[in-house]
C-alpha atoms as a PDB file:
ATOM      1  CA  MET A   1       0.009  -0.051   0.028  1.00  0.00           C
ATOM      2  CA  SER A   2       1.207   3.422  -0.877  1.00  0.00           C
ATOM      3  CA  ALA A   3       2.041   5.749   2.096  1.00  0.00           C
ATOM      4  CA  THR A   4       0.354   8.559   0.067  1.00  0.00           C
ATOM      5  CA  ALA A   5      -3.390   8.486  -0.192  1.00  0.00           C
ATOM      6  CA  LEU A   6      -3.741  11.504  -2.580  1.00  0.00           C
ATOM      7  CA  THR A   7      -1.135  12.966  -5.003  1.00  0.00           C
ATOM      8  CA  MET A   8      -1.666  16.049  -7.114  1.00  0.00           C
ATOM      9  CA  GLU A   9       1.248  16.966  -9.460  1.00  0.00           C
ATOM     10  CA  ARG A  10       1.436  20.161 -11.329  1.00  0.00           C
ATOM     11  CA  LEU A  11      -2.349  20.306 -11.319  1.00  0.00           C
ATOM     12  CA  SER A  12      -4.228  23.065 -13.257  1.00  0.00           C
ATOM     13  CA  PHE A  13      -7.892  23.514 -13.966  1.00  0.00           C
ATOM     14  CA  ALA A  14      -9.838  26.302 -15.600  1.00  0.00           C
ATOM     15  CA  TYR A  15     -13.592  26.984 -16.321  1.00  0.00           C
ATOM     16  CA  GLY A  16     -13.392  28.141 -19.834  1.00  0.00           C
ATOM     17  CA  LYS A  17     -10.735  30.832 -19.817  1.00  0.00           C
ATOM     18  CA  ALA A  18     -10.925  31.398 -16.089  1.00  0.00           C
ATOM     19  CA  PRO A  19      -8.069  29.619 -14.281  1.00  0.00           C
ATOM     20  CA  ILE A  20      -9.028  28.117 -10.935  1.00  0.00           C
ATOM     21  CA  LEU A  21      -6.065  26.014  -9.975  1.00  0.00           C
ATOM     22  CA  ALA A  22      -2.491  26.741 -11.378  1.00  0.00           C
ATOM     23  CA  GLY A  23       0.307  24.095 -11.160  1.00  0.00           C
ATOM     24  CA  LEU A  24      -0.723  22.922  -7.769  1.00  0.00           C
ATOM     25  CA  ASP A  25       1.317  20.161  -6.045  1.00  0.00           C
ATOM     26  CA  LEU A  26      -0.069  18.414  -2.959  1.00  0.00           C
ATOM     27  CA  ALA A  27       0.476  15.102  -1.435  1.00  0.00           C
ATOM     28  CA  VAL A  28      -1.732  13.922   1.444  1.00  0.00           C
ATOM     29  CA  ALA A  29      -0.334  10.979   3.587  1.00  0.00           C
ATOM     30  CA  ALA A  30      -2.519   8.039   4.316  1.00  0.00           C
ATOM     31  CA  GLY A  31      -4.143   7.920   7.619  1.00  0.00           C
ATOM     32  CA  THR A  32      -4.149  11.625   8.219  1.00  0.00           C
ATOM     33  CA  ILE A  33      -6.778  14.366   8.585  1.00  0.00           C
ATOM     34  CA  THR A  34      -6.064  17.401   6.302  1.00  0.00           C
ATOM     35  CA  GLY A  35      -7.983  20.607   6.252  1.00  0.00           C
ATOM     36  CA  ILE A  36      -8.216  22.802   3.147  1.00  0.00           C
ATOM     37  CA  LEU A  37      -8.802  26.422   3.907  1.00  0.00           C
ATOM     38  CA  GLY A  38      -9.236  29.602   1.891  1.00  0.00           C
ATOM     39  CA  PRO A  39     -11.565  32.456   0.975  1.00  0.00           C
ATOM     40  CA  ASN A  40     -14.400  31.963  -1.667  1.00  0.00           C
ATOM     41  CA  GLY A  41     -13.019  31.406  -5.055  1.00  0.00           C
ATOM     42  CA  SER A  42      -9.723  30.028  -3.878  1.00  0.00           C
ATOM     43  CA  GLY A  43     -10.220  26.641  -5.531  1.00  0.00           C
ATOM     44  CA  LYS A  44     -11.257  24.502  -2.556  1.00  0.00           C
ATOM     45  CA  THR A  45     -14.364  22.927  -3.980  1.00  0.00           C
ATOM     46  CA  THR A  46     -12.699  22.415  -7.447  1.00  0.00           C
ATOM     47  CA  LEU A  47      -9.807  20.544  -5.707  1.00  0.00           C
ATOM     48  CA  VAL A  48     -12.344  18.143  -4.084  1.00  0.00           C
ATOM     49  CA  ARG A  49     -14.125  17.663  -7.453  1.00  0.00           C
ATOM     50  CA  LEU A  50     -10.885  16.837  -9.248  1.00  0.00           C
ATOM     51  CA  ALA A  51      -9.821  14.408  -6.550  1.00  0.00           C
ATOM     52  CA  SER A  52     -12.975  12.493  -6.969  1.00  0.00           C
ATOM     53  CA  ALA A  53     -12.883  12.530 -10.770  1.00  0.00           C
ATOM     54  CA  ALA A  54     -16.082  14.766 -11.026  1.00  0.00           C
ATOM     55  CA  LEU A  55     -13.822  17.052 -12.974  1.00  0.00           C
ATOM     56  CA  ARG A  56     -10.939  16.399 -15.175  1.00  0.00           C
ATOM     57  CA  PRO A  57      -7.794  18.517 -14.805  1.00  0.00           C
ATOM     58  CA  THR A  58      -6.764  20.900 -17.545  1.00  0.00           C
ATOM     59  CA  ALA A  59      -3.128  19.704 -16.926  1.00  0.00           C
ATOM     60  CA  GLY A  60      -1.297  17.563 -14.432  1.00  0.00           C
ATOM     61  CA  ARG A  61      -1.907  14.322 -12.713  1.00  0.00           C
ATOM     62  CA  ILE A  62      -3.755  12.936  -9.706  1.00  0.00           C
ATOM     63  CA  ALA A  63      -3.087   9.616  -8.037  1.00  0.00           C
ATOM     64  CA  LEU A  64      -5.143   7.620  -5.500  1.00  0.00           C
ATOM     65  CA  PHE A  65      -2.926   5.411  -3.278  1.00  0.00           C
ATOM     66  CA  GLY A  66      -0.236   5.353  -6.001  1.00  0.00           C
ATOM     67  CA  ASP A  67      -2.537   4.697  -9.043  1.00  0.00           C
ATOM     68  CA  ASP A  68      -3.283   7.196 -11.679  1.00  0.00           C
ATOM     69  CA  LEU A  69      -6.972   8.405 -11.062  1.00  0.00           C
ATOM     70  CA  ALA A  70      -7.738   8.652 -14.698  1.00  0.00           C
ATOM     71  CA  ASN A  71      -6.917   5.000 -15.322  1.00  0.00           C
ATOM     72  CA  LEU A  72      -9.000   3.610 -12.345  1.00  0.00           C
ATOM     73  CA  PRO A  73     -12.323   1.969 -13.277  1.00  0.00           C
ATOM     74  CA  THR A  74     -15.332   3.691 -11.741  1.00  0.00           C
ATOM     75  CA  ARG A  75     -16.046   0.864  -9.321  1.00  0.00           C
ATOM     76  CA  GLU A  76     -12.456   0.660  -8.023  1.00  0.00           C
ATOM     77  CA  ARG A  77     -12.365   4.434  -7.725  1.00  0.00           C
ATOM     78  CA  ALA A  78     -15.581   4.348  -5.642  1.00  0.00           C
ATOM     79  CA  ARG A  79     -14.029   1.826  -3.290  1.00  0.00           C
ATOM     80  CA  ARG A  80     -11.071   4.120  -2.690  1.00  0.00           C
ATOM     81  CA  VAL A  81     -12.644   7.541  -2.318  1.00  0.00           C
ATOM     82  CA  ALA A  82     -15.941   8.776  -1.047  1.00  0.00           C
ATOM     83  CA  VAL A  83     -17.314  12.304  -1.215  1.00  0.00           C
ATOM     84  CA  VAL A  84     -19.648  14.362   1.013  1.00  0.00           C
ATOM     85  CA  PRO A  85     -20.678  17.362  -1.274  1.00  0.00           C
ATOM     86  CA  GLN A  86     -21.554  20.774  -0.052  1.00  0.00           C
ATOM     87  CA  GLU A  87     -25.188  20.443  -1.347  1.00  0.00           C
ATOM     88  CA  THR A  88     -27.173  17.473  -2.712  1.00  0.00           C
ATOM     89  CA  HIS A  89     -30.399  17.783  -4.837  1.00  0.00           C
ATOM     90  CA  PRO A  90     -31.583  14.409  -5.940  1.00  0.00           C
ATOM     91  CA  VAL A  91     -33.631  14.260  -9.146  1.00  0.00           C
ATOM     92  CA  PHE A  92     -35.919  11.374  -7.859  1.00  0.00           C
ATOM     93  CA  GLU A  93     -37.660  10.770  -4.668  1.00  0.00           C
ATOM     94  CA  PHE A  94     -35.799   8.591  -2.242  1.00  0.00           C
ATOM     95  CA  THR A  95     -35.983   7.887   1.464  1.00  0.00           C
ATOM     96  CA  VAL A  96     -33.109   8.629   3.720  1.00  0.00           C
ATOM     97  CA  GLU A  97     -32.292   4.867   4.036  1.00  0.00           C
ATOM     98  CA  GLU A  98     -32.281   4.443   0.314  1.00  0.00           C
ATOM     99  CA  ILE A  99     -29.945   7.301  -0.059  1.00  0.00           C
ATOM    100  CA  VAL A 100     -27.572   5.829   2.506  1.00  0.00           C
ATOM    101  CA  ARG A 101     -27.715   2.292   1.107  1.00  0.00           C
ATOM    102  CA  MET A 102     -26.513   3.658  -2.301  1.00  0.00           C
ATOM    103  CA  GLY A 103     -23.150   3.875  -0.704  1.00  0.00           C
ATOM    104  CA  ARG A 104     -22.841   0.038  -1.010  1.00  0.00           C
ATOM    105  CA  ALA A 105     -23.147  -0.012  -4.704  1.00  0.00           C
ATOM    106  CA  PRO A 106     -19.304  -0.317  -5.329  1.00  0.00           C
ATOM    107  CA  HIS A 107     -19.315  -3.515  -3.300  1.00  0.00           C
ATOM    108  CA  LEU A 108     -22.212  -5.225  -4.718  1.00  0.00           C
ATOM    109  CA  GLY A 109     -22.113  -8.042  -7.370  1.00  0.00           C
ATOM    110  CA  LEU A 110     -23.163  -7.770 -11.025  1.00  0.00           C
ATOM    111  CA  LEU A 111     -26.833  -8.168 -10.077  1.00  0.00           C
ATOM    112  CA  GLY A 112     -26.692  -5.377  -7.435  1.00  0.00           C
ATOM    113  CA  LEU A 113     -28.170  -7.575  -4.622  1.00  0.00           C
ATOM    114  CA  GLU A 114     -27.633  -6.590  -1.178  1.00  0.00           C
ATOM    115  CA  ALA A 115     -26.600  -9.054   1.519  1.00  0.00           C
ATOM    116  CA  PRO A 116     -27.521  -8.669   5.199  1.00  0.00           C
ATOM    117  CA  ARG A 117     -24.003  -7.338   5.841  1.00  0.00           C
ATOM    118  CA  ASP A 118     -24.595  -4.437   3.408  1.00  0.00           C
ATOM    119  CA  ARG A 119     -27.760  -3.462   5.129  1.00  0.00           C
ATOM    120  CA  ALA A 120     -26.051  -3.676   8.645  1.00  0.00           C
ATOM    121  CA  ILE A 121     -23.284  -1.424   7.459  1.00  0.00           C
ATOM    122  CA  ALA A 122     -25.683   1.200   6.222  1.00  0.00           C
ATOM    123  CA  ARG A 123     -27.749   0.926   9.437  1.00  0.00           C
ATOM    124  CA  GLU A 124     -24.660   1.405  11.632  1.00  0.00           C
ATOM    125  CA  ALA A 125     -23.683   4.436   9.495  1.00  0.00           C
ATOM    126  CA  MET A 126     -27.106   5.999  10.051  1.00  0.00           C
ATOM    127  CA  GLU A 127     -26.833   5.544  13.669  1.00  0.00           C
ATOM    128  CA  ARG A 128     -23.314   6.926  13.977  1.00  0.00           C
ATOM    129  CA  CYS A 129     -24.596  10.056  11.960  1.00  0.00           C
ATOM    130  CA  GLU A 130     -27.707  10.308  14.173  1.00  0.00           C
ATOM    131  CA  VAL A 131     -30.117   9.941  11.157  1.00  0.00           C
ATOM    132  CA  ALA A 132     -31.505   6.466  11.867  1.00  0.00           C
ATOM    133  CA  GLN A 133     -34.761   7.912  13.104  1.00  0.00           C
ATOM    134  CA  LEU A 134     -35.097   9.556   9.631  1.00  0.00           C
ATOM    135  CA  ALA A 135     -34.755   6.289   7.768  1.00  0.00           C
ATOM    136  CA  THR A 136     -38.242   6.289   6.201  1.00  0.00           C
ATOM    137  CA  ARG A 137     -38.554  10.097   5.532  1.00  0.00           C
ATOM    138  CA  SER A 138     -38.103  11.474   2.096  1.00  0.00           C
ATOM    139  CA  PHE A 139     -34.571  13.052   1.606  1.00  0.00           C
ATOM    140  CA  ARG A 140     -36.150  15.979  -0.103  1.00  0.00           C
ATOM    141  CA  ALA A 141     -38.301  16.749   2.971  1.00  0.00           C
ATOM    142  CA  ILE A 142     -35.536  16.980   5.610  1.00  0.00           C
ATOM    143  CA  SER A 143     -33.565  20.054   6.630  1.00  0.00           C
ATOM    144  CA  GLY A 144     -30.249  21.040   5.079  1.00  0.00           C
ATOM    145  CA  GLY A 145     -28.324  19.975   8.240  1.00  0.00           C
ATOM    146  CA  GLU A 146     -30.011  16.566   8.294  1.00  0.00           C
ATOM    147  CA  ARG A 147     -29.083  16.089   4.500  1.00  0.00           C
ATOM    148  CA  GLN A 148     -25.509  16.707   5.331  1.00  0.00           C
ATOM    149  CA  ARG A 149     -25.480  14.002   8.012  1.00  0.00           C
ATOM    150  CA  VAL A 150     -27.322  11.656   5.678  1.00  0.00           C
ATOM    151  CA  MET A 151     -24.720  12.205   2.970  1.00  0.00           C
ATOM    152  CA  LEU A 152     -21.936  11.638   5.562  1.00  0.00           C
ATOM    153  CA  ALA A 153     -23.683   8.291   6.411  1.00  0.00           C
ATOM    154  CA  ARG A 154     -23.735   7.328   2.855  1.00  0.00           C
ATOM    155  CA  ALA A 155     -20.024   8.092   2.334  1.00  0.00           C
ATOM    156  CA  LEU A 156     -19.278   5.976   5.475  1.00  0.00           C
ATOM    157  CA  THR A 157     -21.450   3.107   4.119  1.00  0.00           C
ATOM    158  CA  GLN A 158     -19.177   3.281   0.981  1.00  0.00           C
ATOM    159  CA  GLU A 159     -16.320   2.124   3.307  1.00  0.00           C
ATOM    160  CA  ALA A 160     -13.689   4.041   1.009  1.00  0.00           C
ATOM    161  CA  ARG A 161     -10.153   4.484   2.161  1.00  0.00           C
ATOM    162  CA  LEU A 162     -10.193   8.196   1.540  1.00  0.00           C
ATOM    163  CA  LEU A 163     -13.031  10.557   2.552  1.00  0.00           C
ATOM    164  CA  LEU A 164     -13.379  13.953   0.908  1.00  0.00           C
ATOM    165  CA  LEU A 165     -15.750  16.487   2.571  1.00  0.00           C
ATOM    166  CA  ASP A 166     -16.778  19.818   1.126  1.00  0.00           C
ATOM    167  CA  GLU A 167     -17.916  22.064   3.920  1.00  0.00           C
ATOM    168  CA  PRO A 168     -19.523  19.207   5.889  1.00  0.00           C
ATOM    169  CA  THR A 169     -20.782  21.454   8.626  1.00  0.00           C
ATOM    170  CA  ALA A 170     -22.096  24.369   6.533  1.00  0.00           C
ATOM    171  CA  PHE A 171     -25.737  23.701   7.410  1.00  0.00           C
ATOM    172  CA  LEU A 172     -25.330  22.184  10.877  1.00  0.00           C
ATOM    173  CA  ASP A 173     -25.912  23.641  14.334  1.00  0.00           C
ATOM    174  CA  LEU A 174     -23.042  23.754  16.867  1.00  0.00           C
ATOM    175  CA  LYS A 175     -23.833  20.444  18.540  1.00  0.00           C
ATOM    176  CA  HIS A 176     -23.721  18.576  15.159  1.00  0.00           C
ATOM    177  CA  ARG A 177     -20.656  20.449  13.904  1.00  0.00           C
ATOM    178  CA  LEU A 178     -18.823  19.294  16.796  1.00  0.00           C
ATOM    179  CA  ALA A 179     -20.231  15.701  16.401  1.00  0.00           C
ATOM    180  CA  VAL A 180     -19.185  15.482  12.814  1.00  0.00           C
ATOM    181  CA  TYR A 181     -15.521  16.252  13.615  1.00  0.00           C
ATOM    182  CA  ALA A 182     -15.576  13.982  16.618  1.00  0.00           C
ATOM    183  CA  LEU A 183     -16.782  11.230  14.372  1.00  0.00           C
ATOM    184  CA  LEU A 184     -14.136  11.920  11.811  1.00  0.00           C
ATOM    185  CA  GLY A 185     -11.538  11.703  14.525  1.00  0.00           C
ATOM    186  CA  THR A 186     -12.932   8.434  15.786  1.00  0.00           C
ATOM    187  CA  LEU A 187     -13.014   6.877  12.300  1.00  0.00           C
ATOM    188  CA  HIS A 188      -9.396   7.968  11.768  1.00  0.00           C
ATOM    189  CA  ARG A 189      -8.173   6.451  15.112  1.00  0.00           C
ATOM    190  CA  GLU A 190     -10.218   3.256  14.568  1.00  0.00           C
ATOM    191  CA  SER A 191      -9.640   2.439  11.048  1.00  0.00           C
ATOM    192  CA  GLY A 192      -6.840   4.687   9.730  1.00  0.00           C
ATOM    193  CA  LEU A 193      -9.294   6.518   7.469  1.00  0.00           C
ATOM    194  CA  THR A 194      -7.665   9.389   5.458  1.00  0.00           C
ATOM    195  CA  VAL A 195      -9.799  12.440   5.599  1.00  0.00           C
ATOM    196  CA  VAL A 196      -9.598  15.692   3.570  1.00  0.00           C
ATOM    197  CA  VAL A 197     -12.008  18.287   4.631  1.00  0.00           C
ATOM    198  CA  VAL A 198     -12.680  21.716   3.076  1.00  0.00           C
ATOM    199  CA  SER A 199     -13.736  24.173   5.719  1.00  0.00           C
ATOM    200  CA  HIS A 200     -14.563  27.782   6.266  1.00  0.00           C
ATOM    201  CA  ASP A 201     -14.501  27.215   9.935  1.00  0.00           C
ATOM    202  CA  ILE A 202     -10.726  27.900  10.667  1.00  0.00           C
ATOM    203  CA  ASN A 203     -10.915  27.124  14.345  1.00  0.00           C
ATOM    204  CA  LEU A 204     -12.710  23.788  14.051  1.00  0.00           C
ATOM    205  CA  ALA A 205     -10.225  22.846  11.379  1.00  0.00           C
ATOM    206  CA  ALA A 206      -7.392  23.866  13.571  1.00  0.00           C
ATOM    207  CA  ARG A 207      -8.638  21.826  16.444  1.00  0.00           C
ATOM    208  CA  HIS A 208      -9.243  18.540  14.568  1.00  0.00           C
ATOM    209  CA  CYS A 209      -6.823  18.472  11.615  1.00  0.00           C
ATOM    210  CA  ASP A 210      -3.216  17.230  11.518  1.00  0.00           C
ATOM    211  CA  ARG A 211      -2.372  19.506   8.729  1.00  0.00           C
ATOM    212  CA  LEU A 212      -3.718  22.601   7.106  1.00  0.00           C
ATOM    213  CA  VAL A 213      -3.436  23.741   3.555  1.00  0.00           C
ATOM    214  CA  LEU A 214      -4.259  27.412   2.887  1.00  0.00           C
ATOM    215  CA  LEU A 215      -5.324  28.249  -0.691  1.00  0.00           C
ATOM    216  CA  ARG A 216      -5.128  31.616  -2.420  1.00  0.00           C
ATOM    217  CA  CYS A 217      -6.162  32.118  -5.960  1.00  0.00           C
ATOM    218  CA  GLY A 218      -5.669  28.467  -6.907  1.00  0.00           C
ATOM    219  CA  SER A 219      -2.227  28.139  -5.254  1.00  0.00           C
ATOM    220  CA  ILE A 220      -0.971  27.008  -1.924  1.00  0.00           C
ATOM    221  CA  ALA A 221      -0.183  30.032   0.323  1.00  0.00           C
ATOM    222  CA  ALA A 222       0.652  27.976   3.500  1.00  0.00           C
ATOM    223  CA  ASP A 223       1.017  24.369   4.248  1.00  0.00           C
ATOM    224  CA  GLY A 224       1.912  22.593   7.527  1.00  0.00           C
ATOM    225  CA  THR A 225       0.611  22.070  11.033  1.00  0.00           C
ATOM    226  CA  PRO A 226      -2.144  24.285  12.477  1.00  0.00           C
ATOM    227  CA  ALA A 227       0.495  26.230  14.465  1.00  0.00           C
ATOM    228  CA  GLU A 228       2.606  26.757  11.294  1.00  0.00           C
ATOM    229  CA  VAL A 229      -0.298  27.796   9.013  1.00  0.00           C
ATOM    230  CA  LEU A 230      -2.441  29.920  11.386  1.00  0.00           C
ATOM    231  CA  ARG A 231      -0.229  33.003  11.887  1.00  0.00           C
ATOM    232  CA  PRO A 232      -1.284  36.584  11.404  1.00  0.00           C
ATOM    233  CA  GLU A 233       0.645  37.217   8.288  1.00  0.00           C
ATOM    234  CA  PRO A 234      -0.472  34.305   6.179  1.00  0.00           C
ATOM    235  CA  ILE A 235      -4.158  34.942   7.263  1.00  0.00           C
ATOM    236  CA  ARG A 236      -3.842  38.690   6.523  1.00  0.00           C
ATOM    237  CA  SER A 237      -2.442  38.011   3.090  1.00  0.00           C
ATOM    238  CA  VAL A 238      -5.064  35.396   2.073  1.00  0.00           C
ATOM    239  CA  TYR A 239      -8.258  36.639   3.818  1.00  0.00           C
ATOM    240  CA  GLU A 240      -7.479  40.442   4.036  1.00  0.00           C
ATOM    241  CA  VAL A 241      -8.311  40.591   7.654  1.00  0.00           C
ATOM    242  CA  ASP A 242      -6.223  41.336  10.649  1.00  0.00           C
ATOM    243  CA  VAL A 243      -6.350  38.552  13.433  1.00  0.00           C
ATOM    244  CA  GLU A 244      -5.162  37.712  16.807  1.00  0.00           C
ATOM    245  CA  VAL A 245      -3.909  34.243  17.280  1.00  0.00           C
ATOM    246  CA  ARG A 246      -4.075  32.609  20.720  1.00  0.00           C
ATOM    247  CA  THR A 247      -3.651  29.135  22.012  1.00  0.00           C
ATOM    248  CA  ASP A 248      -6.761  27.197  22.963  1.00  0.00           C
ATOM    249  CA  PRO A 249      -5.944  25.931  26.516  1.00  0.00           C
ATOM    250  CA  SER A 250      -8.012  22.797  26.141  1.00  0.00           C
ATOM    251  CA  SER A 251      -6.301  21.550  22.955  1.00  0.00           C
ATOM    252  CA  GLY A 252      -3.072  23.454  22.729  1.00  0.00           C
ATOM    253  CA  ARG A 253      -3.966  24.305  19.113  1.00  0.00           C
ATOM    254  CA  PRO A 254      -4.174  27.896  17.748  1.00  0.00           C
ATOM    255  CA  PHE A 255      -7.362  29.859  18.001  1.00  0.00           C
ATOM    256  CA  VAL A 256      -8.008  32.710  15.513  1.00  0.00           C
ATOM    257  CA  ILE A 257      -9.913  35.854  16.531  1.00  0.00           C
ATOM    258  CA  PRO A 258     -10.686  38.147  13.562  1.00  0.00           C
ATOM    259  CA  LEU A 259     -10.120  41.914  14.305  1.00  0.00           C
ATOM    260  CA  ALA A 260     -10.791  43.952  11.270  1.00  0.00           C
ATOM    261  CA  PRO A 261     -10.351  43.948   7.424  1.00  0.00           C
ATOM    262  CA  SER A 262      -6.804  44.614   6.558  1.00  0.00           C
ATOM    263  CA  GLY A 263      -6.010  48.267   6.059  1.00  0.00           C
ATOM    264  CA  ALA A 264      -9.454  49.351   7.659  1.00  0.00           C
END
């Protein structure tokens, strides 16, 4: 097994003539939790979509656990990487349990028949994400925060080795924000799951991630431990705000307090 879960080499992407990522190099070690930070338009979501093959790069190479992403069959790719998108809008009417059980698709045989183990895995994922009580509800009828937890349950049901999350706490209340990161930490410790999470919540990411990657205009502005990345100068340069960085006494991690827009 490769010690690197995700590798991006000289990666570039553009929507039409608008460049989003430009020659980006990134290697994510297996069994780590990496946070991707940056302002709107910095390329965070595009990075996730490229890593899951939802988009194809304009130039460069992406590898999953040592194998070229472009050459992996769809089923094998789905066994290696699972995605929790920022928003989900299904075309058809599905119940919560049906959505979650879709995560087993890469593991089913040619006939697509589920075994008791597949249903048990889906049920456990729903319980861990606190959505089991919603099993028979229409996915369309539940709240945005509940949808996010359902999509996390589906990703866990997929049993992939790499989990990509794009703003997984965007619609969640404080309790469930903390619960999502606690669950990710538990999965990381128990199974060595590799996690890459895009976040606007700098302090949550700092508290729970081994490594932070700060993006600016499609390039990496800072990369390292939370203490190395979350310093006033890099944050001012990327976010255009002045901040005070303190140490959280309960975790020993940096804690960022915004002060004012830079130059205000």
